[in-house]
Amino acid sequence: MTLADAIGRWRVKLKSEWLLLLFGALALVLALLDPHPWASYRRWLQVPTLGGLLGLMLAIQGIRDSGLVQHAAGALVARVHSLRALGLLLVTTTALLATVLTNDVSLFLIVPLTLTIGTLSNLPVARMAVLEALAVNAGSTLSPIGNPQNLLLWQHSQLPFLHFALAMLPVATVLFALVAVLALAWLPKGRMTLQPALVDGHPVGARLATGSLLALGLMVLAMENGLALTGAVTLVAAYALVARQVLGRIDWLLLATFAAIFLGLGHFAALPLIQHGLDRLAPDRPLTLFISGIAISQVISNVPATVLLLGHAHDAIALAVAVNVGGAGLAIGSLANLIALRLAKQPQGLRLFHRVSVPFLAMSAPLAYVVWRWMG
């Protein structure tokens, strides 16, 4: 392949990366019109988050390359014969993992498994990707370490772990119940149709599988102890030495997209006009904070929305409820949505997500608010 051919292929690929181009342009325009010290850009870029994402991508790609995901998928579809039963099992597993391993780890484990099952059976992968995105937001709502916004609010409020989790339990229960009902109503009723030639076992590279599982566990521990960047650099070096092909197969453009989103939205949220508008919101009122948290999440995602509102809201639980509910709706509402859609790579996946997620938000928001206020 010539250099011109390589450049041409990258141009075609970049044209499909509309999020990268959009937020990259936003970050560039704001940097030109409203320059800041380098420390501000470093803070907005959220290097530890990007490092954590890179480490997770490496570990999961290693697990996939080992054949372990394909083997697990074959074993699962051989034992579950109903599409709805399998779908509900995957949705429940996704939500439970998100409470323990964080939402992005859950997606990096479950979505590749779902894709592989889709090659073995008639499971509707596009629908499952949407359901898993909603499920991971529901599950991570419960745990102080389930997602970045909860972790930030938990540390900021200094509430006991169990106190935070119990306070979020009513909302998490409402969100998951709605996802479960949606899964049962939306997934086909029939039995699974299997392709026996693909189900009959799959070789597993034991060394790569074991090493990658260990890498995943160590990466999660590194992220929980503030060492995400160190963990990511260590994994890059390790895979470069023993499994270099893994480095070439991860989605580097996904990392670039998140970097652009962090820079563009971080700068946007710091604009004086935006800060002045927040001062006039009166977010001390529960309903005002709830609506504001959801609305802002739909524009700049729920993690930046949390950062933006943190200094204006005095009730950490109320803010946590708002931004977690706001993870549904538009895809930008939660970075987990973007990860799920990117991993699934389904045609018209974004359109399908919005057809389901926007009505889901319209239904879940008032119900979650009423239950939270009643049980709070």
Protein backbone atom coordinates (compact mmCIF):
# COMPACT_ATOMS: atom_id res chain seq x y z
CA MET A 1 0.00 0.00 0.00
CA THR A 2 1.36 3.39 -0.99
CA LEU A 3 1.39 6.44 1.28
CA ALA A 4 -1.31 8.06 -0.87
CA ASP A 5 -3.54 4.98 -0.46
CA ALA A 6 -3.03 5.00 3.31
CA ILE A 7 -3.88 8.71 3.52
CA GLY A 8 -6.96 8.12 1.39
CA ARG A 9 -8.19 5.34 3.66
CA TRP A 10 -7.71 7.53 6.74
CA ARG A 11 -9.64 10.37 5.07
CA VAL A 12 -12.57 8.05 4.41
CA LYS A 13 -12.42 6.75 7.99
CA LEU A 14 -12.29 10.24 9.48
CA LYS A 15 -15.39 11.31 7.53
CA SER A 16 -17.38 8.75 9.51
CA GLU A 17 -15.94 10.03 12.81
CA TRP A 18 -18.40 12.90 13.10
CA LEU A 19 -18.14 13.13 16.89
CA LEU A 20 -14.35 13.46 16.70
CA LEU A 21 -14.59 16.13 14.01
CA LEU A 22 -17.41 18.03 15.75
CA PHE A 23 -15.86 18.23 19.20
CA GLY A 24 -12.35 18.61 17.82
CA ALA A 25 -13.56 21.68 15.92
CA LEU A 26 -15.33 22.98 19.05
CA ALA A 27 -12.15 22.58 21.12
CA LEU A 28 -10.07 24.33 18.46
CA VAL A 29 -12.47 27.25 18.01
CA LEU A 30 -12.77 27.84 21.75
CA ALA A 31 -8.98 27.64 22.18
CA LEU A 32 -8.56 30.34 19.53
CA LEU A 33 -11.36 32.63 20.76
CA ASP A 34 -10.92 32.11 24.51
CA PRO A 35 -7.32 31.02 25.25
CA HIS A 36 -6.50 29.65 28.70
CA PRO A 37 -3.34 28.57 30.53
CA TRP A 38 -2.07 25.10 29.71
CA ALA A 39 -3.12 23.87 33.17
CA SER A 40 -6.77 24.42 32.23
CA TYR A 41 -6.49 22.30 29.10
CA ARG A 42 -4.73 19.55 31.05
CA ARG A 43 -7.56 19.57 33.59
CA TRP A 44 -10.26 19.48 30.89
CA LEU A 45 -8.51 16.66 29.02
CA GLN A 46 -8.98 14.34 32.03
CA VAL A 47 -5.79 12.38 31.34
CA PRO A 48 -6.45 9.81 34.11
CA THR A 49 -9.83 8.98 32.53
CA LEU A 50 -8.26 8.59 29.09
CA GLY A 51 -5.50 6.45 30.59
CA GLY A 52 -8.09 4.24 32.26
CA LEU A 53 -9.99 3.88 29.01
CA LEU A 54 -6.81 2.92 27.15
CA GLY A 55 -5.90 0.31 29.76
CA LEU A 56 -9.37 -1.23 29.64
CA MET A 57 -9.35 -1.33 25.85
CA LEU A 58 -5.99 -3.12 25.85
CA ALA A 59 -7.03 -5.74 28.40
CA ILE A 60 -10.36 -6.48 26.72
CA GLN A 61 -8.78 -6.65 23.27
CA GLY A 62 -6.29 -9.15 24.68
CA ILE A 63 -9.17 -11.24 26.06
CA ARG A 64 -10.92 -11.14 22.69
CA ASP A 65 -7.75 -12.07 20.79
CA SER A 66 -7.25 -15.04 23.11
CA GLY A 67 -10.57 -16.55 21.99
CA LEU A 68 -12.00 -16.52 25.51
CA VAL A 69 -14.97 -14.32 24.58
CA GLN A 70 -15.87 -16.57 21.66
CA HIS A 71 -15.61 -19.66 23.87
CA ALA A 72 -17.84 -18.10 26.55
CA ALA A 73 -20.38 -17.05 23.91
CA GLY A 74 -20.56 -20.58 22.52
CA ALA A 75 -21.05 -22.04 25.99
CA LEU A 76 -23.79 -19.52 26.80
CA VAL A 77 -25.87 -19.92 23.64
CA ALA A 78 -25.67 -23.70 23.99
CA ARG A 79 -27.46 -23.50 27.35
CA VAL A 80 -29.99 -20.63 26.90
CA HIS A 81 -32.61 -21.30 24.24
CA SER A 82 -34.95 -18.29 24.49
CA LEU A 83 -34.03 -14.93 22.96
CA ARG A 84 -35.80 -13.03 25.72
CA ALA A 85 -34.18 -15.13 28.45
CA LEU A 86 -30.72 -14.57 26.98
CA GLY A 87 -31.38 -10.86 26.49
CA LEU A 88 -32.59 -10.44 30.07
CA LEU A 89 -29.57 -12.40 31.33
CA LEU A 90 -27.17 -10.13 29.43
CA VAL A 91 -28.97 -6.98 30.60
CA THR A 92 -28.95 -8.12 34.23
CA THR A 93 -25.29 -9.11 34.07
CA THR A 94 -24.41 -5.76 32.54
CA ALA A 95 -26.18 -3.86 35.32
CA LEU A 96 -24.67 -5.98 38.10
CA LEU A 97 -21.14 -5.67 36.72
CA ALA A 98 -21.57 -1.90 36.49
CA THR A 99 -22.20 -1.68 40.24
CA VAL A 100 -18.87 -3.39 40.97
CA LEU A 101 -16.51 -2.82 38.05
CA THR A 102 -17.79 0.57 36.78
CA ASN A 103 -19.92 1.16 33.71
CA ASP A 104 -17.16 1.24 31.09
CA VAL A 105 -15.59 -2.03 32.29
CA SER A 106 -19.02 -3.67 32.16
CA LEU A 107 -19.54 -2.57 28.58
CA PHE A 108 -16.07 -3.61 27.46
CA LEU A 109 -16.84 -7.10 28.78
CA ILE A 110 -20.47 -7.57 27.74
CA VAL A 111 -20.74 -5.86 24.33
CA PRO A 112 -17.97 -7.96 22.70
CA LEU A 113 -19.65 -11.06 24.19
CA THR A 114 -22.97 -9.93 22.70
CA LEU A 115 -21.40 -9.36 19.29
CA THR A 116 -19.93 -12.84 19.33
CA ILE A 117 -23.26 -14.38 20.36
CA GLY A 118 -24.80 -12.52 17.44
CA THR A 119 -22.51 -14.39 15.06
CA LEU A 120 -23.58 -17.70 16.61
CA SER A 121 -27.32 -17.08 16.72
CA ASN A 122 -30.21 -14.86 15.70
CA LEU A 123 -29.84 -12.54 18.71
CA PRO A 124 -30.69 -8.94 17.61
CA VAL A 125 -27.34 -7.32 18.39
CA ALA A 126 -28.38 -3.72 17.65
CA ARG A 127 -31.27 -3.90 20.11
CA MET A 128 -29.08 -5.57 22.71
CA ALA A 129 -26.45 -2.81 22.43
CA VAL A 130 -29.13 -0.20 23.19
CA LEU A 131 -30.47 -2.23 26.11
CA GLU A 132 -26.98 -2.77 27.51
CA ALA A 133 -26.22 0.95 27.33
CA LEU A 134 -29.39 1.68 29.33
CA ALA A 135 -28.67 -1.20 31.73
CA VAL A 136 -25.14 -0.05 32.48
CA ASN A 137 -26.42 3.41 33.35
CA ALA A 138 -29.07 1.89 35.62
CA GLY A 139 -26.65 -0.44 37.38
CA SER A 140 -23.91 2.12 37.86
CA THR A 141 -26.42 4.52 39.43
CA LEU A 142 -26.46 2.43 42.59
CA SER A 143 -22.75 2.36 43.38
CA PRO A 144 -20.47 5.20 44.52
CA ILE A 145 -17.79 3.67 42.25
CA GLY A 146 -20.17 2.70 39.43
CA ASN A 147 -19.40 5.71 37.24
CA PRO A 148 -17.24 8.85 37.27
CA GLN A 149 -19.99 11.23 38.39
CA ASN A 150 -20.89 9.07 41.39
CA LEU A 151 -17.25 8.69 42.36
CA LEU A 152 -16.77 12.46 42.21
CA LEU A 153 -19.91 13.20 44.24
CA TRP A 154 -19.17 10.47 46.78
CA GLN A 155 -15.68 11.80 47.42
CA HIS A 156 -16.88 15.40 47.44
CA SER A 157 -19.71 14.74 49.91
CA GLN A 158 -17.66 12.39 52.14
CA LEU A 159 -20.78 10.29 52.73
CA PRO A 160 -20.31 6.68 53.92
CA PHE A 161 -20.29 4.15 51.05
CA LEU A 162 -23.42 2.37 52.26
CA HIS A 163 -25.28 5.62 52.92
CA PHE A 164 -24.67 6.78 49.33
CA ALA A 165 -25.72 3.41 47.87
CA LEU A 166 -28.91 3.22 49.94
CA ALA A 167 -29.83 6.77 48.95
CA MET A 168 -29.45 5.87 45.26
CA LEU A 169 -31.23 2.50 45.55
CA PRO A 170 -34.78 3.75 44.74
CA VAL A 171 -33.67 5.47 41.55
CA ALA A 172 -31.44 2.57 40.45
CA THR A 173 -34.33 0.17 41.04
CA VAL A 174 -36.71 2.25 38.94
CA LEU A 175 -34.22 2.55 36.07
CA PHE A 176 -33.36 -1.15 36.01
CA ALA A 177 -37.00 -2.23 36.27
CA LEU A 178 -37.82 -0.11 33.22
CA VAL A 179 -34.87 -1.56 31.29
CA ALA A 180 -35.98 -5.10 32.17
CA VAL A 181 -39.55 -4.41 31.06
CA LEU A 182 -38.24 -2.85 27.85
CA ALA A 183 -36.07 -5.91 27.18
CA LEU A 184 -38.99 -8.29 27.63
CA ALA A 185 -41.26 -6.18 25.44
CA TRP A 186 -38.76 -5.33 22.69
CA LEU A 187 -36.82 -8.56 22.17
CA PRO A 188 -38.34 -11.24 19.92
CA LYS A 189 -40.36 -13.93 21.66
CA GLY A 190 -39.03 -16.90 19.73
CA ARG A 191 -36.31 -19.43 20.36
CA MET A 192 -32.69 -18.98 19.41
CA THR A 193 -31.51 -20.27 16.06
CA LEU A 194 -27.96 -21.57 16.38
CA GLN A 195 -25.19 -22.20 13.88
CA PRO A 196 -23.71 -25.49 15.17
CA ALA A 197 -20.50 -25.20 13.17
CA LEU A 198 -19.67 -22.02 15.08
CA VAL A 199 -20.94 -23.18 18.47
CA ASP A 200 -18.88 -26.39 18.62
CA GLY A 201 -16.05 -25.09 20.76
CA HIS A 202 -13.47 -22.40 20.14
CA PRO A 203 -9.75 -22.65 20.85
CA VAL A 204 -8.52 -20.43 23.68
CA GLY A 205 -4.99 -19.05 23.95
CA ALA A 206 -4.52 -19.79 27.64
CA ARG A 207 -1.45 -17.59 28.14
CA LEU A 208 -2.95 -14.51 26.48
CA ALA A 209 -6.33 -15.08 28.17
CA THR A 210 -4.81 -15.44 31.64
CA GLY A 211 -2.50 -12.48 31.20
CA SER A 212 -5.28 -10.25 29.86
CA LEU A 213 -7.69 -11.20 32.66
CA LEU A 214 -4.96 -10.35 35.15
CA ALA A 215 -4.33 -7.08 33.29
CA LEU A 216 -8.04 -6.22 33.50
CA GLY A 217 -8.13 -6.81 37.25
CA LEU A 218 -4.97 -4.80 37.84
CA MET A 219 -6.29 -1.97 35.66
CA VAL A 220 -9.51 -1.75 37.66
CA LEU A 221 -7.49 -1.63 40.89
CA ALA A 222 -5.21 1.04 39.44
CA MET A 223 -8.21 3.17 38.45
CA GLU A 224 -9.80 2.88 41.89
CA ASN A 225 -6.53 3.96 43.54
CA GLY A 226 -5.81 6.96 41.30
CA LEU A 227 -3.13 5.20 39.24
CA ALA A 228 -4.97 4.88 35.94
CA LEU A 229 -2.27 6.53 33.82
CA THR A 230 0.49 4.44 35.42
CA GLY A 231 -1.54 1.29 34.84
CA ALA A 232 -2.17 2.17 31.19
CA VAL A 233 1.50 2.90 30.47
CA THR A 234 2.47 -0.39 32.13
CA LEU A 235 0.00 -2.34 30.00
CA VAL A 236 1.15 -0.65 26.79
CA ALA A 237 4.72 -1.69 27.58
CA ALA A 238 3.69 -5.22 28.52
CA TYR A 239 1.61 -5.83 25.41
CA ALA A 240 4.30 -4.28 23.21
CA LEU A 241 6.68 -6.94 24.53
CA VAL A 242 4.51 -10.06 24.50
CA ALA A 243 1.45 -9.43 22.25
CA ARG A 244 2.14 -6.49 19.97
CA GLN A 245 -0.80 -7.33 17.68
CA VAL A 246 -3.19 -6.24 20.47
CA LEU A 247 -1.90 -2.66 20.27
CA GLY A 248 -2.73 -2.52 16.57
CA ARG A 249 -6.30 -3.71 17.02
CA ILE A 250 -7.65 -1.32 19.65
CA ASP A 251 -9.77 1.64 18.58
CA TRP A 252 -7.36 4.58 18.79
CA LEU A 253 -9.89 6.90 17.18
CA LEU A 254 -12.25 6.22 20.10
CA LEU A 255 -9.58 7.60 22.44
CA ALA A 256 -9.14 10.63 20.21
CA THR A 257 -12.92 11.16 20.19
CA PHE A 258 -13.12 11.19 23.99
CA ALA A 259 -10.14 13.53 24.20
CA ALA A 260 -11.93 15.94 21.84
CA ILE A 261 -15.17 15.65 23.83
CA PHE A 262 -13.40 16.33 27.13
CA LEU A 263 -11.52 19.34 25.75
CA GLY A 264 -14.44 20.86 23.88
CA LEU A 265 -17.08 20.39 26.57
CA GLY A 266 -14.72 21.23 29.42
CA HIS A 267 -13.87 24.57 27.83
CA PHE A 268 -17.51 25.22 26.92
CA ALA A 269 -18.64 24.63 30.51
CA ALA A 270 -16.04 27.12 31.78
CA LEU A 271 -17.29 30.00 29.63
CA PRO A 272 -18.36 33.01 31.76
CA LEU A 273 -21.76 33.10 30.04
CA ILE A 274 -22.43 29.48 31.05
CA GLN A 275 -21.27 30.08 34.63
CA HIS A 276 -23.44 33.21 34.87
CA GLY A 277 -26.46 31.23 33.69
CA LEU A 278 -25.87 28.62 36.39
CA ASP A 279 -25.79 31.29 39.08
CA ARG A 280 -29.35 32.23 38.11
CA LEU A 281 -30.73 28.68 38.17
CA ALA A 282 -31.30 28.50 41.93
CA PRO A 283 -30.24 24.81 42.01
CA ASP A 284 -30.91 24.51 45.75
CA ARG A 285 -34.51 23.61 44.90
CA PRO A 286 -34.73 19.81 44.33
CA LEU A 287 -36.93 19.97 41.23
CA THR A 288 -34.85 22.77 39.68
CA LEU A 289 -31.65 20.82 40.28
CA PHE A 290 -33.22 17.63 38.92
CA ILE A 291 -34.38 19.28 35.70
CA SER A 292 -31.14 21.25 35.31
CA GLY A 293 -28.96 18.17 35.80
CA ILE A 294 -30.87 16.22 33.18
CA ALA A 295 -31.00 19.10 30.69
CA ILE A 296 -27.31 19.95 30.99
CA SER A 297 -26.39 16.26 30.69
CA GLN A 298 -28.21 16.17 27.36
CA VAL A 299 -25.92 18.91 26.06
CA ILE A 300 -22.50 18.22 27.57
CA SER A 301 -22.82 14.67 29.06
CA ASN A 302 -23.45 13.82 32.69
CA VAL A 303 -19.85 13.81 33.92
CA PRO A 304 -19.10 17.41 32.79
CA ALA A 305 -22.60 18.36 33.97
CA THR A 306 -21.69 17.09 37.44
CA VAL A 307 -18.49 19.12 37.46
CA LEU A 308 -20.39 22.16 36.25
CA LEU A 309 -23.11 21.95 38.90
CA LEU A 310 -20.98 20.76 41.80
CA GLY A 311 -20.22 24.23 43.11
CA HIS A 312 -23.84 25.36 42.77
CA ALA A 313 -25.64 22.40 44.40
CA HIS A 314 -25.46 21.67 48.12
CA ASP A 315 -27.14 18.23 48.01
CA ALA A 316 -24.79 15.63 46.50
CA ILE A 317 -27.45 12.91 46.38
CA ALA A 318 -29.92 15.18 44.59
CA LEU A 319 -27.28 16.02 42.00
CA ALA A 320 -26.34 12.35 41.65
CA VAL A 321 -29.97 11.44 41.00
CA ALA A 322 -30.29 14.13 38.33
CA VAL A 323 -27.15 13.35 36.34
CA ASN A 324 -27.64 9.57 36.52
CA VAL A 325 -31.19 9.83 35.20
CA GLY A 326 -29.82 12.24 32.57
CA GLY A 327 -27.57 9.51 31.21
CA ALA A 328 -30.51 8.36 29.06
CA GLY A 329 -32.04 10.48 26.30
CA LEU A 330 -29.49 11.74 23.79
CA ALA A 331 -26.41 9.58 23.25
CA ILE A 332 -24.15 12.36 24.54
CA GLY A 333 -26.00 12.16 27.88
CA SER A 334 -23.56 9.51 29.08
CA LEU A 335 -20.15 8.54 27.75
CA ALA A 336 -21.22 4.93 28.36
CA ASN A 337 -23.79 5.33 25.58
CA LEU A 338 -21.06 6.35 23.15
CA ILE A 339 -18.84 3.46 24.23
CA ALA A 340 -21.65 0.91 23.77
CA LEU A 341 -22.56 2.22 20.32
CA ARG A 342 -18.92 2.40 19.27
CA LEU A 343 -18.19 -1.16 20.41
CA ALA A 344 -21.34 -2.55 18.75
CA LYS A 345 -20.70 -0.82 15.38
CA GLN A 346 -24.24 -1.49 14.17
CA PRO A 347 -25.69 0.23 11.07
CA GLN A 348 -28.13 2.97 12.11
CA GLY A 349 -27.20 2.21 15.73
CA LEU A 350 -27.34 5.87 16.79
CA ARG A 351 -30.78 6.34 15.27
CA LEU A 352 -32.09 3.18 16.93
CA PHE A 353 -30.65 4.29 20.26
CA HIS A 354 -32.45 7.63 20.13
CA ARG A 355 -35.75 6.02 19.09
CA VAL A 356 -35.66 4.09 22.36
CA SER A 357 -33.60 6.20 24.75
CA VAL A 358 -35.45 9.50 24.36
CA PRO A 359 -38.86 7.99 25.23
CA PHE A 360 -37.10 6.02 28.00
CA LEU A 361 -35.89 9.30 29.54
CA ALA A 362 -39.35 10.87 29.20
CA MET A 363 -40.82 7.94 31.13
CA SER A 364 -38.07 7.31 33.66
CA ALA A 365 -37.38 10.91 34.72
CA PRO A 366 -40.74 11.75 36.37
CA LEU A 367 -41.08 8.24 37.81
CA ALA A 368 -37.56 8.31 39.29
CA TYR A 369 -38.12 11.76 40.76
CA VAL A 370 -41.41 10.81 42.42
CA VAL A 371 -39.98 7.58 43.88
CA TRP A 372 -36.81 9.32 45.07
CA ARG A 373 -38.70 12.16 46.78
CA TRP A 374 -41.23 9.75 48.29
CA MET A 375 -38.64 7.33 49.66
CA GLY A 376 -36.06 10.00 50.45
